[in-house]
PDB file of all heavy atoms in Angstrom:
ATOM      1  N   LEU A   1       1.969  -7.024  -7.807  1.00  0.00           N
ATOM      2  CA  LEU A   1       2.134  -5.768  -7.079  1.00  0.00           C
ATOM      3  C   LEU A   1       1.349  -5.840  -5.779  1.00  0.00           C
ATOM      4  O   LEU A   1       0.135  -6.060  -5.786  1.00  0.00           O
ATOM      5  CB  LEU A   1       1.657  -4.588  -7.929  1.00  0.00           C
ATOM      6  CG  LEU A   1       1.717  -3.207  -7.286  1.00  0.00           C
ATOM      7  CD1 LEU A   1       3.153  -2.832  -6.925  1.00  0.00           C
ATOM      8  CD2 LEU A   1       1.116  -2.160  -8.214  1.00  0.00           C
ATOM      9  N   VAL A   2       2.038  -5.640  -4.660  1.00  0.00           N
ATOM     10  CA  VAL A   2       1.430  -5.776  -3.346  1.00  0.00           C
ATOM     11  C   VAL A   2       0.973  -4.443  -2.786  1.00  0.00           C
ATOM     12  O   VAL A   2      -0.153  -4.305  -2.307  1.00  0.00           O
ATOM     13  CB  VAL A   2       2.406  -6.457  -2.364  1.00  0.00           C
ATOM     14  CG1 VAL A   2       1.821  -6.509  -0.961  1.00  0.00           C
ATOM     15  CG2 VAL A   2       2.752  -7.855  -2.855  1.00  0.00           C
ATOM     16  N   ALA A   3       1.860  -3.446  -2.813  1.00  0.00           N
ATOM     17  CA  ALA A   3       1.561  -2.154  -2.208  1.00  0.00           C
ATOM     18  C   ALA A   3       2.421  -1.075  -2.831  1.00  0.00           C
ATOM     19  O   ALA A   3       3.548  -1.331  -3.253  1.00  0.00           O
ATOM     20  CB  ALA A   3       1.789  -2.194  -0.693  1.00  0.00           C
ATOM     21  N   VAL A   4       1.890   0.146  -2.873  1.00  0.00           N
ATOM     22  CA  VAL A   4       2.575   1.301  -3.433  1.00  0.00           C
ATOM     23  C   VAL A   4       2.462   2.454  -2.452  1.00  0.00           C
ATOM     24  O   VAL A   4       1.411   2.650  -1.831  1.00  0.00           O
ATOM     25  CB  VAL A   4       1.962   1.723  -4.784  1.00  0.00           C
ATOM     26  CG1 VAL A   4       2.561   3.036  -5.275  1.00  0.00           C
ATOM     27  CG2 VAL A   4       2.153   0.627  -5.815  1.00  0.00           C
ATOM     28  N   ILE A   5       3.542   3.218  -2.322  1.00  0.00           N
ATOM     29  CA  ILE A   5       3.489   4.483  -1.602  1.00  0.00           C
ATOM     30  C   ILE A   5       4.128   5.543  -2.489  1.00  0.00           C
ATOM     31  O   ILE A   5       5.256   5.397  -2.947  1.00  0.00           O
ATOM     32  CB  ILE A   5       4.145   4.397  -0.206  1.00  0.00           C
ATOM     33  CG1 ILE A   5       3.925   5.709   0.560  1.00  0.00           C
ATOM     34  CG2 ILE A   5       5.617   4.033  -0.289  1.00  0.00           C
ATOM     35  CD1 ILE A   5       4.146   5.564   2.066  1.00  0.00           C
ATOM     36  N   THR A   6       3.385   6.617  -2.748  1.00  0.00           N
ATOM     37  CA  THR A   6       3.826   7.653  -3.662  1.00  0.00           C
ATOM     38  C   THR A   6       4.662   8.698  -2.944  1.00  0.00           C
ATOM     39  O   THR A   6       4.839   8.667  -1.723  1.00  0.00           O
ATOM     40  CB  THR A   6       2.621   8.332  -4.332  1.00  0.00           C
ATOM     41  OG1 THR A   6       1.908   9.094  -3.353  1.00  0.00           O
ATOM     42  CG2 THR A   6       1.691   7.304  -4.956  1.00  0.00           C
ATOM     43  N   ILE A   7       5.166   9.662  -3.723  1.00  0.00           N
ATOM     44  CA  ILE A   7       5.971  10.739  -3.156  1.00  0.00           C
ATOM     45  C   ILE A   7       5.141  11.591  -2.197  1.00  0.00           C
ATOM     46  O   ILE A   7       5.687  12.200  -1.286  1.00  0.00           O
ATOM     47  CB  ILE A   7       6.580  11.604  -4.283  1.00  0.00           C
ATOM     48  CG1 ILE A   7       7.765  12.406  -3.750  1.00  0.00           C
ATOM     49  CG2 ILE A   7       5.532  12.504  -4.916  1.00  0.00           C
ATOM     50  CD1 ILE A   7       8.946  11.542  -3.402  1.00  0.00           C
ATOM     51  N   GLY A   8       3.838  11.605  -2.387  1.00  0.00           N
ATOM     52  CA  GLY A   8       2.952  12.312  -1.480  1.00  0.00           C
ATOM     53  C   GLY A   8       2.397  11.440  -0.369  1.00  0.00           C
ATOM     54  O   GLY A   8       1.486  11.858   0.340  1.00  0.00           O
ATOM     55  N   SER A   9       2.925  10.226  -0.243  1.00  0.00           N
ATOM     56  CA  SER A   9       2.570   9.265   0.809  1.00  0.00           C
ATOM     57  C   SER A   9       1.163   8.703   0.665  1.00  0.00           C
ATOM     58  O   SER A   9       0.618   8.156   1.620  1.00  0.00           O
ATOM     59  CB  SER A   9       2.751   9.880   2.203  1.00  0.00           C
ATOM     60  OG  SER A   9       4.108  10.190   2.435  1.00  0.00           O
ATOM     61  N   SER A  10       0.574   8.821  -0.518  1.00  0.00           N
ATOM     62  CA  SER A  10      -0.650   8.088  -0.790  1.00  0.00           C
ATOM     63  C   SER A  10      -0.314   6.610  -0.957  1.00  0.00           C
ATOM     64  O   SER A  10       0.752   6.266  -1.471  1.00  0.00           O
ATOM     65  CB  SER A  10      -1.330   8.607  -2.050  1.00  0.00           C
ATOM     66  OG  SER A  10      -1.745   9.949  -1.890  1.00  0.00           O
ATOM     67  N   THR A  11      -1.203   5.739  -0.534  1.00  0.00           N
ATOM     68  CA  THR A  11      -0.950   4.307  -0.578  1.00  0.00           C
ATOM     69  C   THR A  11      -2.035   3.574  -1.347  1.00  0.00           C
ATOM     70  O   THR A  11      -3.193   3.996  -1.388  1.00  0.00           O
ATOM     71  CB  THR A  11      -0.843   3.713   0.831  1.00  0.00           C
ATOM     72  OG1 THR A  11      -2.055   3.977   1.555  1.00  0.00           O
ATOM     73  CG2 THR A  11       0.323   4.324   1.585  1.00  0.00           C
ATOM     74  N   ASN A  12      -1.646   2.457  -1.946  1.00  0.00           N
ATOM     75  CA  ASN A  12      -2.565   1.559  -2.621  1.00  0.00           C
ATOM     76  C   ASN A  12      -2.129   0.131  -2.357  1.00  0.00           C
ATOM     77  O   ASN A  12      -0.937  -0.160  -2.252  1.00  0.00           O
ATOM     78  CB  ASN A  12      -2.603   1.827  -4.128  1.00  0.00           C
ATOM     79  CG  ASN A  12      -3.308   3.124  -4.468  1.00  0.00           C
ATOM     80  OD1 ASN A  12      -4.530   3.204  -4.402  1.00  0.00           O
ATOM     81  ND2 ASN A  12      -2.547   4.141  -4.832  1.00  0.00           N
ATOM     82  N   TYR A  13      -3.106  -0.767  -2.268  1.00  0.00           N
ATOM     83  CA  TYR A  13      -2.838  -2.159  -1.934  1.00  0.00           C
ATOM     84  C   TYR A  13      -3.581  -3.093  -2.865  1.00  0.00           C
ATOM     85  O   TYR A  13      -4.674  -2.786  -3.342  1.00  0.00           O
ATOM     86  CB  TYR A  13      -3.278  -2.464  -0.501  1.00  0.00           C
ATOM     87  CG  TYR A  13      -2.582  -1.636   0.546  1.00  0.00           C
ATOM     88  CD1 TYR A  13      -3.121  -0.426   0.972  1.00  0.00           C
ATOM     89  CD2 TYR A  13      -1.388  -2.060   1.108  1.00  0.00           C
ATOM     90  CE1 TYR A  13      -2.479   0.338   1.936  1.00  0.00           C
ATOM     91  CE2 TYR A  13      -0.745  -1.307   2.068  1.00  0.00           C
ATOM     92  CZ  TYR A  13      -1.295  -0.104   2.475  1.00  0.00           C
ATOM     93  OH  TYR A  13      -0.662   0.643   3.426  1.00  0.00           O
ATOM     94  N   ALA A  14      -2.980  -4.249  -3.103  1.00  0.00           N
ATOM     95  CA  ALA A  14      -3.694  -5.314  -3.780  1.00  0.00           C
ATOM     96  C   ALA A  14      -4.865  -5.771  -2.914  1.00  0.00           C
ATOM     97  O   ALA A  14      -4.786  -5.764  -1.681  1.00  0.00           O
ATOM     98  CB  ALA A  14      -2.764  -6.481  -4.056  1.00  0.00           C
ATOM     99  N   ASP A  15      -5.955  -6.168  -3.558  1.00  0.00           N
ATOM    100  CA  ASP A  15      -7.122  -6.613  -2.810  1.00  0.00           C
ATOM    101  C   ASP A  15      -6.795  -7.775  -1.873  1.00  0.00           C
ATOM    102  O   ASP A  15      -7.382  -7.894  -0.795  1.00  0.00           O
ATOM    103  CB  ASP A  15      -8.239  -7.021  -3.766  1.00  0.00           C
ATOM    104  CG  ASP A  15      -8.890  -5.837  -4.447  1.00  0.00           C
ATOM    105  OD1 ASP A  15      -8.742  -4.703  -3.964  1.00  0.00           O
ATOM    106  OD2 ASP A  15      -9.563  -6.055  -5.474  1.00  0.00           O
ATOM    107  N   SER A  16      -5.854  -8.608  -2.265  1.00  0.00           N
ATOM    108  CA  SER A  16      -5.526  -9.787  -1.486  1.00  0.00           C
ATOM    109  C   SER A  16      -4.867  -9.463  -0.147  1.00  0.00           C
ATOM    110  O   SER A  16      -4.855 -10.305   0.755  1.00  0.00           O
ATOM    111  CB  SER A  16      -4.620 -10.718  -2.290  1.00  0.00           C
ATOM    112  OG  SER A  16      -3.434 -10.054  -2.678  1.00  0.00           O
ATOM    113  N   VAL A  17      -4.306  -8.257  -0.011  1.00  0.00           N
ATOM    114  CA  VAL A  17      -3.617  -7.889   1.226  1.00  0.00           C
ATOM    115  C   VAL A  17      -4.261  -6.705   1.927  1.00  0.00           C
ATOM    116  O   VAL A  17      -3.847  -6.356   3.043  1.00  0.00           O
ATOM    117  CB  VAL A  17      -2.127  -7.584   0.976  1.00  0.00           C
ATOM    118  CG1 VAL A  17      -1.457  -8.739   0.247  1.00  0.00           C
ATOM    119  CG2 VAL A  17      -1.956  -6.283   0.200  1.00  0.00           C
ATOM    120  N   LYS A  18      -5.251  -6.095   1.320  1.00  0.00           N
ATOM    121  CA  LYS A  18      -5.888  -4.916   1.889  1.00  0.00           C
ATOM    122  C   LYS A  18      -6.461  -5.233   3.266  1.00  0.00           C
ATOM    123  O   LYS A  18      -7.151  -6.238   3.454  1.00  0.00           O
ATOM    124  CB  LYS A  18      -6.977  -4.414   0.945  1.00  0.00           C
ATOM    125  CG  LYS A  18      -7.479  -3.012   1.234  1.00  0.00           C
ATOM    126  CD  LYS A  18      -8.415  -2.535   0.115  1.00  0.00           C
ATOM    127  CE  LYS A  18      -7.700  -2.482  -1.232  1.00  0.00           C
ATOM    128  NZ  LYS A  18      -8.589  -2.015  -2.324  1.00  0.00           N
ATOM    129  N   GLY A  19      -6.168  -4.365   4.221  1.00  0.00           N
ATOM    130  CA  GLY A  19      -6.616  -4.567   5.586  1.00  0.00           C
ATOM    131  C   GLY A  19      -5.668  -5.390   6.433  1.00  0.00           C
ATOM    132  O   GLY A  19      -5.833  -5.438   7.661  1.00  0.00           O
ATOM    133  N   ARG A  20      -4.685  -6.031   5.811  1.00  0.00           N
ATOM    134  CA  ARG A  20      -3.715  -6.851   6.540  1.00  0.00           C
ATOM    135  C   ARG A  20      -2.299  -6.284   6.472  1.00  0.00           C
ATOM    136  O   ARG A  20      -1.531  -6.439   7.418  1.00  0.00           O
ATOM    137  CB  ARG A  20      -3.703  -8.278   5.999  1.00  0.00           C
ATOM    138  CG  ARG A  20      -5.040  -8.995   6.119  1.00  0.00           C
ATOM    139  CD  ARG A  20      -4.909 -10.467   5.749  1.00  0.00           C
ATOM    140  NE  ARG A  20      -4.504 -10.641   4.353  1.00  0.00           N
ATOM    141  CZ  ARG A  20      -3.388 -11.248   3.961  1.00  0.00           C
ATOM    142  NH1 ARG A  20      -2.550 -11.742   4.876  1.00  0.00           N
ATOM    143  NH2 ARG A  20      -3.107 -11.376   2.676  1.00  0.00           N
ATOM    144  N   PHE A  21      -1.951  -5.648   5.356  1.00  0.00           N
ATOM    145  CA  PHE A  21      -0.603  -5.113   5.146  1.00  0.00           C
ATOM    146  C   PHE A  21      -0.639  -3.590   5.190  1.00  0.00           C
ATOM    147  O   PHE A  21      -1.626  -2.966   4.788  1.00  0.00           O
ATOM    148  CB  PHE A  21      -0.044  -5.532   3.782  1.00  0.00           C
ATOM    149  CG  PHE A  21       0.290  -6.989   3.650  1.00  0.00           C
ATOM    150  CD1 PHE A  21      -0.112  -7.925   4.590  1.00  0.00           C
ATOM    151  CD2 PHE A  21       1.015  -7.421   2.546  1.00  0.00           C
ATOM    152  CE1 PHE A  21       0.197  -9.267   4.442  1.00  0.00           C
ATOM    153  CE2 PHE A  21       1.327  -8.762   2.392  1.00  0.00           C
ATOM    154  CZ  PHE A  21       0.921  -9.681   3.333  1.00  0.00           C
ATOM    155  N   THR A  22       0.459  -2.988   5.640  1.00  0.00           N
ATOM    156  CA  THR A  22       0.605  -1.540   5.661  1.00  0.00           C
ATOM    157  C   THR A  22       1.980  -1.153   5.142  1.00  0.00           C
ATOM    158  O   THR A  22       2.993  -1.649   5.647  1.00  0.00           O
ATOM    159  CB  THR A  22       0.417  -0.975   7.075  1.00  0.00           C
ATOM    160  OG1 THR A  22      -0.871  -1.340   7.584  1.00  0.00           O
ATOM    161  CG2 THR A  22       0.524   0.548   7.056  1.00  0.00           C
ATOM    162  N   ILE A  23       2.020  -0.271   4.142  1.00  0.00           N
ATOM    163  CA  ILE A  23       3.279   0.240   3.622  1.00  0.00           C
ATOM    164  C   ILE A  23       3.518   1.633   4.191  1.00  0.00           C
ATOM    165  O   ILE A  23       2.582   2.427   4.354  1.00  0.00           O
ATOM    166  CB  ILE A  23       3.281   0.261   2.076  1.00  0.00           C
ATOM    167  CG1 ILE A  23       4.674   0.624   1.534  1.00  0.00           C
ATOM    168  CG2 ILE A  23       2.213   1.196   1.525  1.00  0.00           C
ATOM    169  CD1 ILE A  23       4.802   0.457   0.023  1.00  0.00           C
ATOM    170  N   SER A  24       4.771   1.935   4.521  1.00  0.00           N
ATOM    171  CA  SER A  24       5.122   3.239   5.050  1.00  0.00           C
ATOM    172  C   SER A  24       6.550   3.577   4.643  1.00  0.00           C
ATOM    173  O   SER A  24       7.317   2.703   4.237  1.00  0.00           O
ATOM    174  CB  SER A  24       4.981   3.278   6.575  1.00  0.00           C
ATOM    175  OG  SER A  24       5.850   2.339   7.189  1.00  0.00           O
ATOM    176  N   ARG A  25       6.902   4.848   4.739  1.00  0.00           N
ATOM    177  CA  ARG A  25       8.269   5.262   4.436  1.00  0.00           C
ATOM    178  C   ARG A  25       8.774   6.234   5.488  1.00  0.00           C
ATOM    179  O   ARG A  25       8.014   7.010   6.066  1.00  0.00           O
ATOM    180  CB  ARG A  25       8.367   5.860   3.025  1.00  0.00           C
ATOM    181  CG  ARG A  25       7.624   7.159   2.808  1.00  0.00           C
ATOM    182  CD  ARG A  25       7.493   7.482   1.314  1.00  0.00           C
ATOM    183  NE  ARG A  25       8.787   7.614   0.659  1.00  0.00           N
ATOM    184  CZ  ARG A  25       8.973   7.673  -0.658  1.00  0.00           C
ATOM    185  NH1 ARG A  25       7.924   7.599  -1.476  1.00  0.00           N
ATOM    186  NH2 ARG A  25      10.185   7.795  -1.159  1.00  0.00           N
TER     187      ARG A  25
END
């Protein structure tokens, strides 16, 4: 699991990609 964006647009990232990847909708 790399990244999650919830229905409320909260985001979570794997430690391996945190600070480098951004998820958006």
